[in-house]
């Protein structure tokens, strides 16, 4: 996981700020979030949560019968 410190986001809502700079900031922010999400989805489900997931899947199968 990558952490970024010291970013100044105050210009995002500023009318005097450059719209292309805001677009670049938002684009970089989106790319960073996408990377974090992809890393997160590659992680295995923890064992203590797998029990709940199996239970929910069993309930869903029983409800669809």
N, C-alpha and C. Protein backbone atom coordinates (compact mmCIF):
# COMPACT_ATOMS: atom_id res chain seq x y z
N UNK A 1 0.84 -1.18 0.00
CA UNK A 1 0.00 0.00 0.00
C UNK A 1 0.88 1.23 0.00
N UNK A 2 0.51 2.22 -0.80
CA UNK A 2 1.28 3.43 -0.91
C UNK A 2 0.55 4.57 -0.21
N UNK A 3 1.28 5.28 0.65
CA UNK A 3 0.72 6.44 1.34
C UNK A 3 1.39 7.70 0.82
N UNK A 4 0.61 8.74 0.63
CA UNK A 4 1.14 10.01 0.18
C UNK A 4 0.87 11.04 1.25
N UNK A 5 1.91 11.70 1.71
CA UNK A 5 1.78 12.71 2.75
C UNK A 5 2.08 14.09 2.19
N UNK A 6 1.48 15.10 2.79
CA UNK A 6 1.81 16.47 2.47
C UNK A 6 1.12 17.04 1.25
N UNK A 7 0.14 16.35 0.69
CA UNK A 7 -0.55 16.88 -0.48
C UNK A 7 -1.45 18.04 -0.07
N UNK A 8 -1.48 19.06 -0.88
CA UNK A 8 -2.34 20.22 -0.61
C UNK A 8 -3.52 20.16 -1.57
N UNK A 9 -4.68 19.77 -1.06
CA UNK A 9 -5.88 19.60 -1.88
C UNK A 9 -6.75 20.85 -1.86
N UNK A 10 -6.29 21.93 -1.26
CA UNK A 10 -7.12 23.12 -1.12
C UNK A 10 -7.46 23.75 -2.47
N UNK A 11 -6.67 23.53 -3.49
CA UNK A 11 -6.92 24.13 -4.79
C UNK A 11 -8.00 23.46 -5.60
N UNK A 12 -8.48 22.31 -5.17
CA UNK A 12 -9.48 21.59 -5.95
C UNK A 12 -10.79 22.36 -6.08
N UNK A 13 -11.17 23.09 -5.05
CA UNK A 13 -12.42 23.83 -5.09
C UNK A 13 -12.21 25.31 -5.40
N UNK A 14 -11.00 25.66 -5.69
CA UNK A 14 -10.68 27.06 -5.94
C UNK A 14 -11.07 27.46 -7.36
N UNK A 15 -11.69 28.62 -7.50
CA UNK A 15 -12.05 29.11 -8.83
C UNK A 15 -10.84 29.69 -9.54
N UNK A 16 -9.83 30.08 -8.77
CA UNK A 16 -8.65 30.67 -9.38
C UNK A 16 -7.67 29.60 -9.86
N UNK A 17 -7.84 28.37 -9.43
CA UNK A 17 -6.93 27.31 -9.81
C UNK A 17 -7.10 26.90 -11.26
N UNK A 18 -6.06 26.37 -11.82
CA UNK A 18 -6.08 25.91 -13.20
C UNK A 18 -6.92 24.64 -13.30
N UNK A 19 -7.86 24.62 -14.25
CA UNK A 19 -8.71 23.44 -14.39
C UNK A 19 -7.90 22.24 -14.87
N UNK A 20 -6.86 22.49 -15.69
CA UNK A 20 -6.03 21.37 -16.14
C UNK A 20 -5.21 20.81 -14.97
N UNK A 21 -4.78 21.68 -14.05
CA UNK A 21 -4.05 21.20 -12.89
C UNK A 21 -4.99 20.37 -12.00
N UNK A 22 -6.23 20.86 -11.82
CA UNK A 22 -7.21 20.11 -11.04
C UNK A 22 -7.48 18.77 -11.69
N UNK A 23 -7.60 18.73 -13.01
CA UNK A 23 -7.84 17.47 -13.71
C UNK A 23 -6.68 16.52 -13.51
N UNK A 24 -5.45 17.05 -13.55
CA UNK A 24 -4.27 16.21 -13.34
C UNK A 24 -4.23 15.66 -11.92
N UNK A 25 -4.55 16.50 -10.96
CA UNK A 25 -4.56 16.06 -9.56
C UNK A 25 -5.60 14.96 -9.38
N UNK A 26 -6.82 15.19 -9.90
CA UNK A 26 -7.87 14.19 -9.76
C UNK A 26 -7.53 12.91 -10.51
N UNK A 27 -6.90 13.04 -11.66
CA UNK A 27 -6.49 11.86 -12.42
C UNK A 27 -5.47 11.03 -11.64
N UNK A 28 -4.47 11.70 -11.09
CA UNK A 28 -3.46 11.00 -10.29
C UNK A 28 -4.08 10.37 -9.05
N UNK A 29 -4.99 11.09 -8.44
CA UNK A 29 -5.68 10.57 -7.26
C UNK A 29 -6.48 9.32 -7.63
N UNK A 30 -7.19 9.37 -8.76
CA UNK A 30 -7.96 8.22 -9.22
C UNK A 30 -7.08 7.03 -9.54
N UNK A 31 -5.95 7.28 -10.17
CA UNK A 31 -5.03 6.18 -10.47
C UNK A 31 -4.50 5.54 -9.19
N UNK A 32 -4.20 6.38 -8.19
CA UNK A 32 -3.73 5.85 -6.91
C UNK A 32 -4.79 5.01 -6.23
N UNK A 33 -6.03 5.49 -6.24
CA UNK A 33 -7.13 4.73 -5.65
C UNK A 33 -7.35 3.41 -6.38
N UNK A 34 -7.27 3.44 -7.71
CA UNK A 34 -7.45 2.22 -8.50
C UNK A 34 -6.37 1.20 -8.14
N UNK A 35 -5.14 1.66 -7.98
CA UNK A 35 -4.04 0.77 -7.60
C UNK A 35 -4.26 0.17 -6.23
N UNK A 36 -4.70 0.99 -5.27
CA UNK A 36 -4.98 0.47 -3.93
C UNK A 36 -6.09 -0.56 -3.96
N UNK A 37 -7.14 -0.30 -4.75
CA UNK A 37 -8.26 -1.23 -4.86
C UNK A 37 -7.80 -2.56 -5.47
N UNK A 38 -6.98 -2.48 -6.52
CA UNK A 38 -6.49 -3.70 -7.15
C UNK A 38 -5.64 -4.51 -6.18
N UNK A 39 -4.79 -3.83 -5.41
CA UNK A 39 -3.98 -4.53 -4.41
C UNK A 39 -4.87 -5.20 -3.37
N UNK A 40 -5.90 -4.49 -2.95
CA UNK A 40 -6.81 -5.02 -1.93
C UNK A 40 -7.56 -6.24 -2.42
N UNK A 41 -8.01 -6.21 -3.68
CA UNK A 41 -8.78 -7.34 -4.20
C UNK A 41 -7.92 -8.57 -4.47
N UNK A 42 -6.62 -8.40 -4.51
CA UNK A 42 -5.71 -9.54 -4.69
C UNK A 42 -5.45 -10.28 -3.38
N UNK A 43 -5.75 -9.62 -2.27
CA UNK A 43 -5.53 -10.22 -0.96
C UNK A 43 -6.56 -11.33 -0.70
N UNK A 44 -6.16 -12.42 -0.10
CA UNK A 44 -7.14 -13.47 0.23
C UNK A 44 -8.08 -13.00 1.34
N UNK A 45 -9.26 -13.60 1.36
CA UNK A 45 -10.24 -13.28 2.41
C UNK A 45 -9.72 -13.88 3.72
N UNK A 46 -9.68 -13.10 4.80
CA UNK A 46 -9.24 -13.64 6.09
C UNK A 46 -10.14 -14.80 6.53
N UNK A 47 -9.55 -15.76 7.23
CA UNK A 47 -10.28 -16.95 7.66
C UNK A 47 -11.52 -16.62 8.48
N UNK A 48 -11.43 -15.63 9.36
CA UNK A 48 -12.58 -15.33 10.21
C UNK A 48 -13.74 -14.76 9.39
N UNK A 49 -13.46 -14.14 8.23
CA UNK A 49 -14.53 -13.65 7.38
C UNK A 49 -15.05 -14.74 6.43
N UNK A 50 -14.20 -15.70 6.11
CA UNK A 50 -14.61 -16.78 5.21
C UNK A 50 -15.79 -17.56 5.78
N UNK A 51 -15.84 -17.71 7.10
CA UNK A 51 -16.95 -18.41 7.75
C UNK A 51 -18.27 -17.68 7.47
N UNK A 52 -18.26 -16.36 7.60
CA UNK A 52 -19.47 -15.57 7.36
C UNK A 52 -19.87 -15.60 5.89
N UNK A 53 -18.88 -15.54 5.02
CA UNK A 53 -19.17 -15.58 3.58
C UNK A 53 -19.81 -16.91 3.21
N UNK A 54 -19.28 -18.02 3.72
CA UNK A 54 -19.88 -19.33 3.44
C UNK A 54 -21.32 -19.39 3.94
N UNK A 55 -21.57 -18.85 5.13
CA UNK A 55 -22.92 -18.84 5.68
C UNK A 55 -23.87 -18.04 4.80
N UNK A 56 -23.42 -16.88 4.35
CA UNK A 56 -24.26 -16.06 3.48
C UNK A 56 -24.52 -16.75 2.14
N UNK A 57 -23.51 -17.41 1.60
CA UNK A 57 -23.70 -18.14 0.34
C UNK A 57 -24.68 -19.30 0.52
N UNK A 58 -24.58 -20.00 1.65
CA UNK A 58 -25.52 -21.10 1.93
C UNK A 58 -26.94 -20.57 2.03
N UNK A 59 -27.13 -19.44 2.73
CA UNK A 59 -28.47 -18.86 2.86
C UNK A 59 -29.02 -18.45 1.51
N UNK A 60 -28.15 -17.88 0.67
CA UNK A 60 -28.59 -17.44 -0.65
C UNK A 60 -29.01 -18.64 -1.51
N UNK A 61 -28.25 -19.73 -1.44
CA UNK A 61 -28.61 -20.93 -2.20
C UNK A 61 -29.92 -21.52 -1.72
N UNK A 62 -30.12 -21.55 -0.41
CA UNK A 62 -31.39 -22.08 0.14
C UNK A 62 -32.57 -21.20 -0.26
N UNK A 63 -32.36 -19.88 -0.33
CA UNK A 63 -33.44 -18.97 -0.70
C UNK A 63 -33.81 -19.09 -2.17
N UNK A 64 -32.85 -19.49 -2.99
CA UNK A 64 -33.10 -19.61 -4.43
C UNK A 64 -33.69 -20.95 -4.82
N UNK A 65 -33.86 -21.85 -3.90
CA UNK A 65 -34.41 -23.18 -4.23
C UNK A 65 -35.90 -23.15 -4.29
